[in-house]
């Protein structure tokens, strides 16, 4: 998986949204989801909106994450669910 927070920040700055904070979040990795949520909660800012729309396309072959879940299910559902539960 490729992460490019630098490209996201540059695109936001180009659009005049340089005050938007960009963070790393890998929905397939529960530790990454927890770290992202913990960082957000430490800022003591309330989330105004949470859009759970990121997803992964079907792999060419059956793949599983480190926990044994199918990759598409883990990314498209479990990662979003974990993030939503920790945002309170």
N, C-alpha and C. Protein backbone atom coordinates (compact mmCIF):
# COMPACT_ATOMS: atom_id res chain seq x y z
N UNK A 1 0.84 -1.16 0.00
CA UNK A 1 0.00 0.00 0.00
C UNK A 1 0.89 1.24 0.00
N UNK A 2 0.48 2.22 -0.73
CA UNK A 2 1.24 3.45 -0.83
C UNK A 2 0.58 4.56 -0.07
N UNK A 3 1.32 5.20 0.77
CA UNK A 3 0.79 6.36 1.48
C UNK A 3 1.53 7.59 1.01
N UNK A 4 0.82 8.65 0.82
CA UNK A 4 1.42 9.87 0.31
C UNK A 4 0.84 11.08 1.03
N UNK A 5 1.02 11.19 2.36
CA UNK A 5 0.48 12.35 3.06
C UNK A 5 1.11 13.66 2.57
N UNK A 6 2.33 13.61 2.06
CA UNK A 6 2.97 14.81 1.54
C UNK A 6 2.23 15.32 0.31
N UNK A 7 1.79 14.41 -0.55
CA UNK A 7 1.03 14.81 -1.74
C UNK A 7 -0.34 15.34 -1.35
N UNK A 8 -0.95 14.74 -0.34
CA UNK A 8 -2.25 15.22 0.12
C UNK A 8 -2.13 16.63 0.68
N UNK A 9 -1.11 16.87 1.49
CA UNK A 9 -0.89 18.20 2.07
C UNK A 9 -0.62 19.22 0.97
N UNK A 10 0.17 18.86 -0.03
CA UNK A 10 0.47 19.77 -1.13
C UNK A 10 -0.81 20.10 -1.93
N UNK A 11 -1.63 19.10 -2.18
CA UNK A 11 -2.87 19.33 -2.93
C UNK A 11 -3.82 20.24 -2.14
N UNK A 12 -3.90 20.03 -0.83
CA UNK A 12 -4.74 20.89 0.00
C UNK A 12 -4.22 22.32 0.01
N UNK A 13 -2.92 22.48 0.14
CA UNK A 13 -2.32 23.82 0.14
C UNK A 13 -2.59 24.52 -1.19
N UNK A 14 -2.47 23.77 -2.28
CA UNK A 14 -2.72 24.34 -3.61
C UNK A 14 -4.18 24.78 -3.75
N UNK A 15 -5.07 24.09 -3.07
CA UNK A 15 -6.49 24.44 -3.10
C UNK A 15 -6.84 25.52 -2.08
N UNK A 16 -5.81 26.05 -1.39
CA UNK A 16 -6.06 27.10 -0.41
C UNK A 16 -6.51 26.57 0.94
N UNK A 17 -6.27 25.30 1.20
CA UNK A 17 -6.70 24.67 2.44
C UNK A 17 -5.51 24.24 3.28
N UNK A 18 -4.52 25.10 3.41
CA UNK A 18 -3.30 24.73 4.11
C UNK A 18 -3.52 24.54 5.60
N UNK A 19 -4.64 24.99 6.15
CA UNK A 19 -4.91 24.80 7.57
C UNK A 19 -5.46 23.40 7.88
N UNK A 20 -5.75 22.62 6.85
CA UNK A 20 -6.26 21.26 7.04
C UNK A 20 -5.10 20.36 7.42
N UNK A 21 -5.28 19.59 8.48
CA UNK A 21 -4.24 18.69 8.95
C UNK A 21 -4.34 17.34 8.24
N UNK A 22 -3.20 16.83 7.80
CA UNK A 22 -3.13 15.54 7.12
C UNK A 22 -2.44 14.56 8.06
N UNK A 23 -3.01 13.37 8.18
CA UNK A 23 -2.41 12.35 9.04
C UNK A 23 -2.37 11.00 8.34
N UNK A 24 -1.54 10.11 8.85
CA UNK A 24 -1.42 8.77 8.30
C UNK A 24 -2.46 7.87 8.95
N UNK A 25 -3.16 7.11 8.12
CA UNK A 25 -4.16 6.16 8.61
C UNK A 25 -4.24 4.99 7.65
N UNK A 26 -3.91 3.80 8.13
CA UNK A 26 -4.00 2.58 7.34
C UNK A 26 -5.16 1.78 7.91
N UNK A 27 -6.29 1.78 7.22
CA UNK A 27 -7.49 1.10 7.72
C UNK A 27 -7.32 -0.40 7.84
N UNK A 28 -6.32 -0.97 7.21
CA UNK A 28 -6.06 -2.40 7.30
C UNK A 28 -5.28 -2.77 8.55
N UNK A 29 -4.69 -1.79 9.21
CA UNK A 29 -3.84 -2.02 10.37
C UNK A 29 -4.50 -1.46 11.63
N UNK A 30 -5.00 -2.31 12.52
CA UNK A 30 -5.67 -1.83 13.74
C UNK A 30 -4.79 -0.91 14.59
N UNK A 31 -3.49 -1.14 14.62
CA UNK A 31 -2.59 -0.28 15.39
C UNK A 31 -2.55 1.12 14.78
N UNK A 32 -2.57 1.20 13.45
CA UNK A 32 -2.58 2.50 12.78
C UNK A 32 -3.87 3.25 13.06
N UNK A 33 -4.99 2.54 13.05
CA UNK A 33 -6.28 3.17 13.35
C UNK A 33 -6.27 3.70 14.78
N UNK A 34 -5.79 2.90 15.71
CA UNK A 34 -5.72 3.33 17.11
C UNK A 34 -4.79 4.53 17.28
N UNK A 35 -3.63 4.51 16.62
CA UNK A 35 -2.68 5.62 16.72
C UNK A 35 -3.29 6.90 16.17
N UNK A 36 -3.98 6.80 15.04
CA UNK A 36 -4.63 7.97 14.44
C UNK A 36 -5.69 8.52 15.38
N UNK A 37 -6.54 7.64 15.91
CA UNK A 37 -7.60 8.07 16.82
C UNK A 37 -7.03 8.66 18.10
N UNK A 38 -6.01 8.02 18.66
CA UNK A 38 -5.38 8.53 19.88
C UNK A 38 -4.80 9.92 19.65
N UNK A 39 -4.12 10.10 18.52
CA UNK A 39 -3.54 11.40 18.20
C UNK A 39 -4.65 12.45 18.11
N UNK A 40 -5.73 12.10 17.43
CA UNK A 40 -6.84 13.05 17.29
C UNK A 40 -7.43 13.38 18.65
N UNK A 41 -7.67 12.39 19.47
CA UNK A 41 -8.27 12.62 20.79
C UNK A 41 -7.36 13.46 21.68
N UNK A 42 -6.05 13.32 21.53
CA UNK A 42 -5.09 14.11 22.31
C UNK A 42 -5.17 15.60 21.98
N UNK A 43 -5.65 15.93 20.78
CA UNK A 43 -5.76 17.34 20.40
C UNK A 43 -6.93 18.01 21.10
N UNK A 44 -7.82 17.22 21.69
CA UNK A 44 -8.99 17.72 22.40
C UNK A 44 -9.91 18.54 21.50
N UNK A 45 -9.89 18.23 20.21
CA UNK A 45 -10.80 18.88 19.26
C UNK A 45 -11.92 17.90 18.94
N UNK A 46 -13.16 18.36 18.95
CA UNK A 46 -14.24 17.45 18.59
C UNK A 46 -14.26 17.20 17.09
N UNK A 47 -14.55 15.98 16.67
CA UNK A 47 -14.70 15.75 15.23
C UNK A 47 -16.03 16.36 14.78
N UNK A 48 -15.99 17.20 13.77
CA UNK A 48 -17.21 17.82 13.26
C UNK A 48 -17.92 16.92 12.28
N UNK A 49 -17.14 16.10 11.60
CA UNK A 49 -17.72 15.17 10.64
C UNK A 49 -16.73 14.02 10.43
N UNK A 50 -17.24 12.83 10.24
CA UNK A 50 -16.41 11.67 9.95
C UNK A 50 -16.99 11.00 8.72
N UNK A 51 -16.24 10.99 7.65
CA UNK A 51 -16.70 10.39 6.39
C UNK A 51 -15.95 9.08 6.21
N UNK A 52 -16.66 7.99 6.31
CA UNK A 52 -16.07 6.66 6.16
C UNK A 52 -16.31 6.17 4.73
N UNK A 53 -15.44 6.62 3.83
CA UNK A 53 -15.67 6.24 2.43
C UNK A 53 -14.45 5.61 1.76
N UNK A 54 -13.32 5.55 2.45
CA UNK A 54 -12.14 4.94 1.83
C UNK A 54 -12.35 3.44 1.69
N UNK A 55 -11.79 2.88 0.67
CA UNK A 55 -11.93 1.45 0.47
C UNK A 55 -10.84 0.92 -0.43
N UNK A 56 -10.87 -0.36 -0.61
CA UNK A 56 -9.88 -1.03 -1.44
C UNK A 56 -10.63 -1.84 -2.50
N UNK A 57 -10.08 -1.88 -3.69
CA UNK A 57 -10.69 -2.68 -4.75
C UNK A 57 -10.36 -4.15 -4.54
N UNK A 58 -11.13 -5.02 -5.14
CA UNK A 58 -10.88 -6.46 -4.95
C UNK A 58 -9.49 -6.86 -5.43
N UNK A 59 -8.75 -7.59 -4.60
CA UNK A 59 -7.44 -8.07 -5.05
C UNK A 59 -7.60 -9.14 -6.13
N UNK A 60 -6.54 -9.37 -6.86
CA UNK A 60 -6.57 -10.37 -7.93
C UNK A 60 -6.69 -11.79 -7.37
N UNK A 61 -6.24 -11.96 -6.12
CA UNK A 61 -6.36 -13.27 -5.48
C UNK A 61 -6.80 -13.03 -4.04
N UNK A 62 -7.26 -14.06 -3.39
CA UNK A 62 -7.71 -13.95 -2.01
C UNK A 62 -6.53 -13.61 -1.11
N UNK A 63 -6.67 -12.51 -0.36
CA UNK A 63 -5.61 -12.08 0.55
C UNK A 63 -6.22 -11.86 1.93
N UNK A 64 -5.40 -12.07 2.96
CA UNK A 64 -5.85 -11.89 4.34
C UNK A 64 -4.92 -10.92 5.05
N UNK A 65 -5.48 -10.21 6.02
CA UNK A 65 -4.64 -9.30 6.81
C UNK A 65 -3.96 -10.10 7.92
N UNK A 66 -3.21 -9.41 8.77
CA UNK A 66 -2.44 -10.08 9.83
C UNK A 66 -3.34 -10.81 10.82
N UNK A 67 -4.60 -10.39 10.92
CA UNK A 67 -5.54 -11.03 11.85
C UNK A 67 -6.27 -12.21 11.23
N UNK A 68 -6.13 -12.37 9.91
CA UNK A 68 -6.78 -13.48 9.22
C UNK A 68 -8.06 -13.09 8.48
N UNK A 69 -8.44 -11.82 8.52
CA UNK A 69 -9.63 -11.36 7.81
C UNK A 69 -9.30 -11.08 6.35
N UNK A 70 -10.28 -11.29 5.48
CA UNK A 70 -10.12 -10.97 4.07
C UNK A 70 -9.85 -9.47 3.95
N UNK A 71 -8.89 -9.08 3.11
CA UNK A 71 -8.39 -7.71 3.03
C UNK A 71 -9.48 -6.68 2.72
N UNK A 72 -10.32 -6.96 1.75
CA UNK A 72 -11.35 -5.97 1.38
C UNK A 72 -12.34 -5.77 2.53
N UNK A 73 -12.77 -6.83 3.17
CA UNK A 73 -13.68 -6.74 4.32
C UNK A 73 -13.02 -5.98 5.47
N UNK A 74 -11.75 -6.30 5.74
CA UNK A 74 -11.04 -5.65 6.85
C UNK A 74 -10.88 -4.15 6.60
N UNK A 75 -10.55 -3.77 5.37
CA UNK A 75 -10.33 -2.36 5.05
C UNK A 75 -11.65 -1.60 4.96
N UNK A 76 -12.59 -2.12 4.20
CA UNK A 76 -13.83 -1.40 3.92
C UNK A 76 -14.82 -1.39 5.08
N UNK A 77 -14.69 -2.32 6.03
CA UNK A 77 -15.66 -2.40 7.11
C UNK A 77 -15.03 -2.33 8.50
N UNK A 78 -14.11 -3.24 8.79
CA UNK A 78 -13.55 -3.30 10.14
C UNK A 78 -12.76 -2.05 10.50
N UNK A 79 -11.96 -1.53 9.57
CA UNK A 79 -11.17 -0.33 9.84
C UNK A 79 -12.06 0.87 10.12
N UNK A 80 -13.10 1.04 9.31
CA UNK A 80 -14.04 2.15 9.53
C UNK A 80 -14.76 1.99 10.87
N UNK A 81 -15.16 0.79 11.16
CA UNK A 81 -15.89 0.52 12.42
C UNK A 81 -15.01 0.86 13.62
N UNK A 82 -13.75 0.42 13.60
CA UNK A 82 -12.82 0.70 14.70
C UNK A 82 -12.61 2.22 14.84
N UNK A 83 -12.41 2.91 13.73
CA UNK A 83 -12.19 4.35 13.78
C UNK A 83 -13.41 5.06 14.35
N UNK A 84 -14.58 4.68 13.92
CA UNK A 84 -15.81 5.32 14.40
C UNK A 84 -16.00 5.10 15.89
N UNK A 85 -15.72 3.90 16.37
CA UNK A 85 -15.89 3.60 17.80
C UNK A 85 -14.92 4.37 18.68
N UNK A 86 -13.73 4.69 18.17
CA UNK A 86 -12.74 5.36 19.00
C UNK A 86 -12.86 6.88 18.93
N UNK A 87 -13.77 7.42 18.15
CA UNK A 87 -13.91 8.86 18.01
C UNK A 87 -14.93 9.46 18.99
N UNK A 88 -14.94 8.99 20.21
CA UNK A 88 -15.85 9.57 21.20
C UNK A 88 -15.13 9.90 22.48
